[in-house]
Structures are given as C-alpha cells and as structure tokens.
Amino acid sequence: MAAKPTPVRVQRAASDIGGQLAAWRRMLNLTAVQVAERANVSRDTLRRLEHGDPGVVDQPPGEG
C-alpha cells in the first residue's frame, strides 16, 4: 500500500516550525548537539525538524 502524500498545509506548517526552531536555537547561541541532547533526540532528528521534515514522528527511544 502506497503512503499518502503529505498535505501542503502540513508541509508548510512543518517548514515554518522548523525555521522558527532553528532561529531560536541560533539566537540562544546553542549548538545543534546541545539542543538535541536537551530534547533527548538524535542530532539527525533535530536536523530533520529544523529542515521541516513532516515525517518526523514521536516514537519511544529504541523503537525507531
């Protein structure tokens, strides 16, 4: 079964949120590693969030 395409509104919202997250991180002079550690996510997940990847899902550690 093929995955449904992500709605445009969701893509736009994810991009906006990601841009705001990256801007706040930079304003606070935090590195991506620091934010990822504090949020208990991998550096790659933070990168995906900051780049507006709507495919980032909430999964318990070790299950993704």
C-alpha atoms as a PDB file:
ATOM      1  CA  MET A   1       0.000   0.000   0.000  1.00  0.00           C
ATOM      2  CA  ALA A   2       1.436   3.376  -1.017  1.00  0.00           C
ATOM      3  CA  ALA A   3       1.847   6.125   1.548  1.00  0.00           C
ATOM      4  CA  LYS A   4      -0.477   9.102   1.259  1.00  0.00           C
ATOM      5  CA  PRO A   5       1.179  12.333   0.143  1.00  0.00           C
ATOM      6  CA  THR A   6       1.659  14.928   2.857  1.00  0.00           C
ATOM      7  CA  PRO A   7      -0.885  17.757   2.573  1.00  0.00           C
ATOM      8  CA  VAL A   8       0.539  21.130   1.531  1.00  0.00           C
ATOM      9  CA  ARG A   9      -0.685  22.791   4.736  1.00  0.00           C
ATOM     10  CA  VAL A  10       1.181  20.223   6.833  1.00  0.00           C
ATOM     11  CA  GLN A  11       4.355  20.689   4.772  1.00  0.00           C
ATOM     12  CA  ARG A  12       4.123  24.465   5.157  1.00  0.00           C
ATOM     13  CA  ALA A  13       3.498  24.250   8.915  1.00  0.00           C
ATOM     14  CA  ALA A  14       6.412  21.838   9.414  1.00  0.00           C
ATOM     15  CA  SER A  15       8.684  24.159   7.451  1.00  0.00           C
ATOM     16  CA  ASP A  16       7.581  27.219   9.447  1.00  0.00           C
ATOM     17  CA  ILE A  17       8.024  25.470  12.795  1.00  0.00           C
ATOM     18  CA  GLY A  18      11.412  24.107  11.755  1.00  0.00           C
ATOM     19  CA  GLY A  19      12.609  27.538  10.699  1.00  0.00           C
ATOM     20  CA  GLN A  20      11.486  29.040  13.995  1.00  0.00           C
ATOM     21  CA  LEU A  21      13.187  26.264  15.950  1.00  0.00           C
ATOM     22  CA  ALA A  22      16.469  26.828  14.109  1.00  0.00           C
ATOM     23  CA  ALA A  23      16.223  30.615  14.542  1.00  0.00           C
ATOM     24  CA  TRP A  24      15.628  30.357  18.305  1.00  0.00           C
ATOM     25  CA  ARG A  25      18.489  27.885  18.663  1.00  0.00           C
ATOM     26  CA  ARG A  26      20.841  30.317  16.944  1.00  0.00           C
ATOM     27  CA  MET A  27      19.533  33.315  18.911  1.00  0.00           C
ATOM     28  CA  LEU A  28      20.286  31.461  22.137  1.00  0.00           C
ATOM     29  CA  ASN A  29      23.780  30.548  20.878  1.00  0.00           C
ATOM     30  CA  LEU A  30      23.117  26.841  21.289  1.00  0.00           C
ATOM     31  CA  THR A  31      24.679  24.195  19.095  1.00  0.00           C
ATOM     32  CA  ALA A  32      22.527  21.591  17.434  1.00  0.00           C
ATOM     33  CA  VAL A  33      24.209  18.947  19.588  1.00  0.00           C
ATOM     34  CA  GLN A  34      23.268  20.826  22.779  1.00  0.00           C
ATOM     35  CA  VAL A  35      19.627  21.158  21.735  1.00  0.00           C
ATOM     36  CA  ALA A  36      19.415  17.536  20.605  1.00  0.00           C
ATOM     37  CA  GLU A  37      20.838  16.328  23.924  1.00  0.00           C
ATOM     38  CA  ARG A  38      18.497  18.534  25.949  1.00  0.00           C
ATOM     39  CA  ALA A  39      15.489  17.373  23.905  1.00  0.00           C
ATOM     40  CA  ASN A  40      16.607  13.747  24.131  1.00  0.00           C
ATOM     41  CA  VAL A  41      16.556  13.317  20.351  1.00  0.00           C
ATOM     42  CA  SER A  42      19.295  12.442  17.914  1.00  0.00           C
ATOM     43  CA  ARG A  43      21.182  15.140  16.045  1.00  0.00           C
ATOM     44  CA  ASP A  44      19.680  13.765  12.810  1.00  0.00           C
ATOM     45  CA  THR A  45      16.133  14.112  14.180  1.00  0.00           C
ATOM     46  CA  LEU A  46      16.819  17.719  15.150  1.00  0.00           C
ATOM     47  CA  ARG A  47      18.202  18.387  11.668  1.00  0.00           C
ATOM     48  CA  ARG A  48      15.061  16.905  10.116  1.00  0.00           C
ATOM     49  CA  LEU A  49      12.867  19.037  12.382  1.00  0.00           C
ATOM     50  CA  GLU A  50      14.775  22.218  11.575  1.00  0.00           C
ATOM     51  CA  HIS A  51      14.502  21.473   7.849  1.00  0.00           C
ATOM     52  CA  GLY A  52      10.735  20.998   8.087  1.00  0.00           C
ATOM     53  CA  ASP A  53      10.542  17.248   7.526  1.00  0.00           C
ATOM     54  CA  PRO A  54       6.881  16.392   8.272  1.00  0.00           C
ATOM     55  CA  GLY A  55       7.824  12.714   8.508  1.00  0.00           C
ATOM     56  CA  VAL A  56       9.416  13.113  11.927  1.00  0.00           C
ATOM     57  CA  VAL A  57       7.191  11.130  14.280  1.00  0.00           C
ATOM     58  CA  ASP A  58       7.008  10.723  18.036  1.00  0.00           C
ATOM     59  CA  GLN A  59       8.418   7.287  18.838  1.00  0.00           C
ATOM     60  CA  PRO A  60       9.777   5.967  22.125  1.00  0.00           C
ATOM     61  CA  PRO A  61      13.587   5.641  22.164  1.00  0.00           C
ATOM     62  CA  GLY A  62      14.785   2.388  20.657  1.00  0.00           C
ATOM     63  CA  GLU A  63      11.668   1.816  18.571  1.00  0.00           C
ATOM     64  CA  GLY A  64      12.588   3.914  15.565  1.00  0.00           C
END
